[in-house]
Amino acid sequence: LVSCTGNQFCGLALIETKATGKALAEALEATMDLTRDVRMHWTGCPNTCGQVQVADIGFLGCQVKNPETGKGNVDGVKIFLGGNIGHEAELGTEVDKVACMSLLPYTQDLLIKKFGAKKKRTALMTDEDRAAVSRWENFPFNSGGGLEVFPAGENGKYVVK
């Protein structure tokens, strides 16, 4: 997982990236069996400090229509796929725009279709796995970062004020 500082510390970022990316990665690890490592990069704005174009899956912050109401904008990401570095370097291609609150099922589907992952059976999930999913489900999306979401709380837990 690679991330720029996001709107918690950068005035150019449109979304909070670090805590969101960490929460998504933990929820994905809890719910998916991966056949290989998948590089995920997050960046909060088009300056792409998080280098989303060279990731297996890149997330570039943007605003999208609220998927629950169809009215107003919420935090979202443009999704990039297929980036690579090294001898076979290639820039990823933008494939979609998704609200952050909808990213877990969307990314699970991507991992299954593009990376050969399989969804874990719920019965095999540990208490730690269920806690990671719960953190994602209760994540304070659209809070604007800053004091609302501070990822450096007790042992990396999210502190919501």
C-alpha atoms as a PDB file:
ATOM      1  CA  LEU A   1       0.000   0.000   0.000  1.00  0.00           C
ATOM      2  CA  VAL A   2       1.359   3.394  -1.059  1.00  0.00           C
ATOM      3  CA  SER A   3      -0.373   6.668  -0.241  1.00  0.00           C
ATOM      4  CA  CYS A   4       0.197  10.385  -0.473  1.00  0.00           C
ATOM      5  CA  THR A   5      -0.602  12.387   2.675  1.00  0.00           C
ATOM      6  CA  GLY A   6      -4.171  13.110   1.540  1.00  0.00           C
ATOM      7  CA  ASN A   7      -6.321  16.017   2.653  1.00  0.00           C
ATOM      8  CA  GLN A   8      -5.356  15.571   6.289  1.00  0.00           C
ATOM      9  CA  PHE A   9      -2.055  17.334   5.519  1.00  0.00           C
ATOM     10  CA  CYS A  10      -2.281  18.539   1.905  1.00  0.00           C
ATOM     11  CA  GLY A  11      -4.442  21.416   0.699  1.00  0.00           C
ATOM     12  CA  LEU A  12      -4.578  20.004  -2.851  1.00  0.00           C
ATOM     13  CA  ALA A  13      -5.974  16.569  -1.945  1.00  0.00           C
ATOM     14  CA  LEU A  14      -9.682  16.067  -2.520  1.00  0.00           C
ATOM     15  CA  ILE A  15     -10.025  13.060  -0.201  1.00  0.00           C
ATOM     16  CA  GLU A  16      -8.455  11.470   2.878  1.00  0.00           C
ATOM     17  CA  THR A  17      -6.108   8.786   1.555  1.00  0.00           C
ATOM     18  CA  LYS A  18      -4.018   7.202   4.314  1.00  0.00           C
ATOM     19  CA  ALA A  19      -6.689   6.012   6.738  1.00  0.00           C
ATOM     20  CA  THR A  20      -9.075   5.162   3.876  1.00  0.00           C
ATOM     21  CA  GLY A  21      -6.433   3.119   2.060  1.00  0.00           C
ATOM     22  CA  LYS A  22      -5.380   1.336   5.249  1.00  0.00           C
ATOM     23  CA  ALA A  23      -8.981   0.511   6.181  1.00  0.00           C
ATOM     24  CA  LEU A  24      -9.721  -0.819   2.686  1.00  0.00           C
ATOM     25  CA  ALA A  25      -6.526  -2.910   2.599  1.00  0.00           C
ATOM     26  CA  GLU A  26      -7.311  -4.434   5.995  1.00  0.00           C
ATOM     27  CA  ALA A  27     -10.909  -5.217   4.983  1.00  0.00           C
ATOM     28  CA  LEU A  28      -9.694  -6.804   1.733  1.00  0.00           C
ATOM     29  CA  GLU A  29      -7.103  -8.919   3.558  1.00  0.00           C
ATOM     30  CA  ALA A  30      -9.864 -10.019   5.947  1.00  0.00           C
ATOM     31  CA  THR A  31     -12.333 -11.014   3.227  1.00  0.00           C
ATOM     32  CA  MET A  32     -10.202 -12.224   0.312  1.00  0.00           C
ATOM     33  CA  ASP A  33      -7.717 -15.013  -0.418  1.00  0.00           C
ATOM     34  CA  LEU A  34      -5.145 -13.603  -2.836  1.00  0.00           C
ATOM     35  CA  THR A  35      -2.963 -15.688  -5.111  1.00  0.00           C
ATOM     36  CA  ARG A  36      -0.330 -12.941  -5.344  1.00  0.00           C
ATOM     37  CA  ASP A  37       0.560  -9.541  -3.942  1.00  0.00           C
ATOM     38  CA  VAL A  38      -1.482  -6.672  -5.384  1.00  0.00           C
ATOM     39  CA  ARG A  39       0.090  -3.203  -5.320  1.00  0.00           C
ATOM     40  CA  MET A  40      -2.461  -0.532  -4.382  1.00  0.00           C
ATOM     41  CA  HIS A  41      -1.550   3.164  -4.584  1.00  0.00           C
ATOM     42  CA  TRP A  42      -3.650   6.081  -3.312  1.00  0.00           C
ATOM     43  CA  THR A  43      -3.388   9.752  -4.185  1.00  0.00           C
ATOM     44  CA  GLY A  44      -5.679  12.605  -3.256  1.00  0.00           C
ATOM     45  CA  CYS A  45      -5.391  14.773  -6.364  1.00  0.00           C
ATOM     46  CA  PRO A  46      -4.247  14.799 -10.015  1.00  0.00           C
ATOM     47  CA  ASN A  47      -0.664  15.634  -8.966  1.00  0.00           C
ATOM     48  CA  THR A  48      -0.547  11.891  -8.203  1.00  0.00           C
ATOM     49  CA  CYS A  49       2.137  11.934  -5.501  1.00  0.00           C
ATOM     50  CA  GLY A  50       1.009   8.377  -4.707  1.00  0.00           C
ATOM     51  CA  GLN A  51       1.822   7.322  -8.313  1.00  0.00           C
ATOM     52  CA  VAL A  52      -1.488   5.601  -9.026  1.00  0.00           C
ATOM     53  CA  GLN A  53      -0.588   4.974 -12.680  1.00  0.00           C
ATOM     54  CA  VAL A  54       2.133   2.436 -11.776  1.00  0.00           C
ATOM     55  CA  ALA A  55       0.002   0.381  -9.381  1.00  0.00           C
ATOM     56  CA  ASP A  56      -1.858  -2.845 -10.008  1.00  0.00           C
ATOM     57  CA  ILE A  57      -4.856  -0.896  -8.671  1.00  0.00           C
ATOM     58  CA  GLY A  58      -4.619   2.883  -8.356  1.00  0.00           C
ATOM     59  CA  PHE A  59      -7.047   5.141  -6.494  1.00  0.00           C
ATOM     60  CA  LEU A  60      -7.050   8.855  -7.432  1.00  0.00           C
ATOM     61  CA  GLY A  61      -9.238  11.109  -5.275  1.00  0.00           C
ATOM     62  CA  CYS A  62     -12.217  12.862  -6.835  1.00  0.00           C
ATOM     63  CA  GLN A  63     -15.820  13.754  -6.074  1.00  0.00           C
ATOM     64  CA  VAL A  64     -18.611  11.505  -7.372  1.00  0.00           C
ATOM     65  CA  LYS A  65     -22.402  11.556  -7.273  1.00  0.00           C
ATOM     66  CA  ASN A  66     -23.763  10.127  -4.020  1.00  0.00           C
ATOM     67  CA  PRO A  67     -24.653   6.487  -4.882  1.00  0.00           C
ATOM     68  CA  GLU A  68     -27.191   6.261  -2.054  1.00  0.00           C
ATOM     69  CA  THR A  69     -29.281   9.328  -2.940  1.00  0.00           C
ATOM     70  CA  GLY A  70     -28.151  10.306  -6.443  1.00  0.00           C
ATOM     71  CA  LYS A  71     -27.923  13.883  -5.150  1.00  0.00           C
ATOM     72  CA  GLY A  72     -24.851  15.839  -4.174  1.00  0.00           C
ATOM     73  CA  ASN A  73     -21.217  14.757  -4.272  1.00  0.00           C
ATOM     74  CA  VAL A  74     -19.271  12.475  -1.968  1.00  0.00           C
ATOM     75  CA  ASP A  75     -15.639  11.400  -1.698  1.00  0.00           C
ATOM     76  CA  GLY A  76     -14.694   9.017  -4.478  1.00  0.00           C
ATOM     77  CA  VAL A  77     -11.806   7.732  -6.535  1.00  0.00           C
ATOM     78  CA  LYS A  78     -10.913   7.218 -10.148  1.00  0.00           C
ATOM     79  CA  ILE A  79      -9.757   3.611 -10.495  1.00  0.00           C
ATOM     80  CA  PHE A  80      -6.609   2.831 -12.517  1.00  0.00           C
ATOM     81  CA  LEU A  81      -5.618  -0.714 -13.514  1.00  0.00           C
ATOM     82  CA  GLY A  82      -2.580  -2.329 -15.086  1.00  0.00           C
ATOM     83  CA  GLY A  83       0.323  -0.104 -14.068  1.00  0.00           C
ATOM     84  CA  ASN A  84       3.792  -1.584 -13.853  1.00  0.00           C
ATOM     85  CA  ILE A  85       7.380  -0.487 -13.212  1.00  0.00           C
ATOM     86  CA  GLY A  86      10.720  -1.929 -14.221  1.00  0.00           C
ATOM     87  CA  HIS A  87      11.684  -3.447 -17.584  1.00  0.00           C
ATOM     88  CA  GLU A  88       8.071  -3.835 -18.629  1.00  0.00           C
ATOM     89  CA  ALA A  89       6.945  -0.420 -17.381  1.00  0.00           C
ATOM     90  CA  GLU A  90       3.437   0.608 -18.347  1.00  0.00           C
ATOM     91  CA  LEU A  91       1.013   3.245 -17.112  1.00  0.00           C
ATOM     92  CA  GLY A  92      -2.308   2.057 -15.786  1.00  0.00           C
ATOM     93  CA  THR A  93      -5.559   2.979 -17.477  1.00  0.00           C
ATOM     94  CA  GLU A  94      -8.469   4.746 -15.813  1.00  0.00           C
ATOM     95  CA  VAL A  95     -11.395   2.315 -15.804  1.00  0.00           C
ATOM     96  CA  ASP A  96     -14.030   3.743 -13.460  1.00  0.00           C
ATOM     97  CA  LYS A  97     -15.091   6.294 -10.832  1.00  0.00           C
ATOM     98  CA  VAL A  98     -16.414   4.895  -7.542  1.00  0.00           C
ATOM     99  CA  ALA A  99     -17.629   6.440  -4.275  1.00  0.00           C
ATOM    100  CA  CYS A 100     -15.271   5.568  -1.413  1.00  0.00           C
ATOM    101  CA  MET A 101     -18.194   4.142   0.562  1.00  0.00           C
ATOM    102  CA  SER A 102     -18.720   1.604  -2.266  1.00  0.00           C
ATOM    103  CA  LEU A 103     -15.085   0.540  -2.637  1.00  0.00           C
ATOM    104  CA  LEU A 104     -15.068  -2.705  -0.651  1.00  0.00           C
ATOM    105  CA  PRO A 105     -17.450  -4.713  -2.873  1.00  0.00           C
ATOM    106  CA  TYR A 106     -16.118  -3.000  -5.998  1.00  0.00           C
ATOM    107  CA  THR A 107     -12.489  -3.852  -5.172  1.00  0.00           C
ATOM    108  CA  GLN A 108     -13.389  -7.388  -4.096  1.00  0.00           C
ATOM    109  CA  ASP A 109     -14.945  -7.902  -7.534  1.00  0.00           C
ATOM    110  CA  LEU A 110     -11.822  -6.469  -9.227  1.00  0.00           C
ATOM    111  CA  LEU A 111      -9.570  -8.806  -7.252  1.00  0.00           C
ATOM    112  CA  ILE A 112     -11.669 -11.803  -8.300  1.00  0.00           C
ATOM    113  CA  LYS A 113     -11.940 -10.867 -11.986  1.00  0.00           C
ATOM    114  CA  LYS A 114      -8.461  -9.437 -12.618  1.00  0.00           C
ATOM    115  CA  PHE A 115      -6.174 -10.994  -9.999  1.00  0.00           C
ATOM    116  CA  GLY A 116      -7.546 -14.502  -9.400  1.00  0.00           C
ATOM    117  CA  ALA A 117      -8.580 -13.868  -5.792  1.00  0.00           C
ATOM    118  CA  LYS A 118     -11.323 -15.776  -4.038  1.00  0.00           C
ATOM    119  CA  LYS A 119     -13.690 -14.509  -1.385  1.00  0.00           C
ATOM    120  CA  LYS A 120     -13.154 -16.059   2.067  1.00  0.00           C
ATOM    121  CA  ARG A 121     -16.049 -17.971   3.524  1.00  0.00           C
ATOM    122  CA  THR A 122     -17.548 -16.003   6.395  1.00  0.00           C
ATOM    123  CA  ALA A 123     -17.239 -19.037   8.662  1.00  0.00           C
ATOM    124  CA  LEU A 124     -13.442 -18.981   8.202  1.00  0.00           C
ATOM    125  CA  MET A 125     -13.051 -15.333   9.182  1.00  0.00           C
ATOM    126  CA  THR A 126     -11.304 -14.664  12.490  1.00  0.00           C
ATOM    127  CA  ASP A 127     -12.384 -12.099  15.083  1.00  0.00           C
ATOM    128  CA  GLU A 128      -9.594  -9.871  13.744  1.00  0.00           C
ATOM    129  CA  ASP A 129     -11.008 -10.231  10.202  1.00  0.00           C
ATOM    130  CA  ARG A 130     -14.500  -9.304  11.393  1.00  0.00           C
ATOM    131  CA  ALA A 131     -13.063  -6.286  13.245  1.00  0.00           C
ATOM    132  CA  ALA A 132     -11.342  -5.086  10.039  1.00  0.00           C
ATOM    133  CA  VAL A 133     -14.612  -5.336   8.112  1.00  0.00           C
ATOM    134  CA  SER A 134     -16.432  -3.512  10.898  1.00  0.00           C
ATOM    135  CA  ARG A 135     -13.844  -0.691  10.819  1.00  0.00           C
ATOM    136  CA  TRP A 136     -14.489  -0.330   7.082  1.00  0.00           C
ATOM    137  CA  GLU A 137     -18.265  -0.404   7.493  1.00  0.00           C
ATOM    138  CA  ASN A 138     -18.077   2.289  10.201  1.00  0.00           C
ATOM    139  CA  PHE A 139     -15.422   4.423   8.503  1.00  0.00           C
ATOM    140  CA  PRO A 140     -16.257   8.159   8.558  1.00  0.00           C
ATOM    141  CA  PHE A 141     -16.330   8.756   4.797  1.00  0.00           C
ATOM    142  CA  ASN A 142     -16.782  12.332   3.561  1.00  0.00           C
ATOM    143  CA  SER A 143     -15.451  13.760   6.823  1.00  0.00           C
ATOM    144  CA  GLY A 144     -12.823  15.828   5.044  1.00  0.00           C
ATOM    145  CA  GLY A 145      -9.937  14.245   6.940  1.00  0.00           C
ATOM    146  CA  GLY A 146      -8.227  16.680   9.308  1.00  0.00           C
ATOM    147  CA  LEU A 147      -9.433  16.381  12.880  1.00  0.00           C
ATOM    148  CA  GLU A 148     -12.308  14.080  11.928  1.00  0.00           C
ATOM    149  CA  VAL A 149     -10.058  11.175  10.930  1.00  0.00           C
ATOM    150  CA  PHE A 150      -6.643  10.776  12.514  1.00  0.00           C
ATOM    151  CA  PRO A 151      -4.986   7.474  11.583  1.00  0.00           C
ATOM    152  CA  ALA A 152      -2.181   7.656  14.164  1.00  0.00           C
ATOM    153  CA  GLY A 153      -4.303   6.905  17.218  1.00  0.00           C
ATOM    154  CA  GLU A 154      -3.763   4.014  19.591  1.00  0.00           C
ATOM    155  CA  ASN A 155      -1.920   1.290  17.676  1.00  0.00           C
ATOM    156  CA  GLY A 156      -3.092   2.632  14.293  1.00  0.00           C
ATOM    157  CA  LYS A 157      -6.789   2.702  15.228  1.00  0.00           C
ATOM    158  CA  TYR A 158      -8.913   5.470  13.778  1.00  0.00           C
ATOM    159  CA  VAL A 159      -9.824   8.276  16.111  1.00  0.00           C
ATOM    160  CA  VAL A 160     -13.100   9.983  15.244  1.00  0.00           C
ATOM    161  CA  LYS A 161     -13.825  13.244  17.061  1.00  0.00           C
END
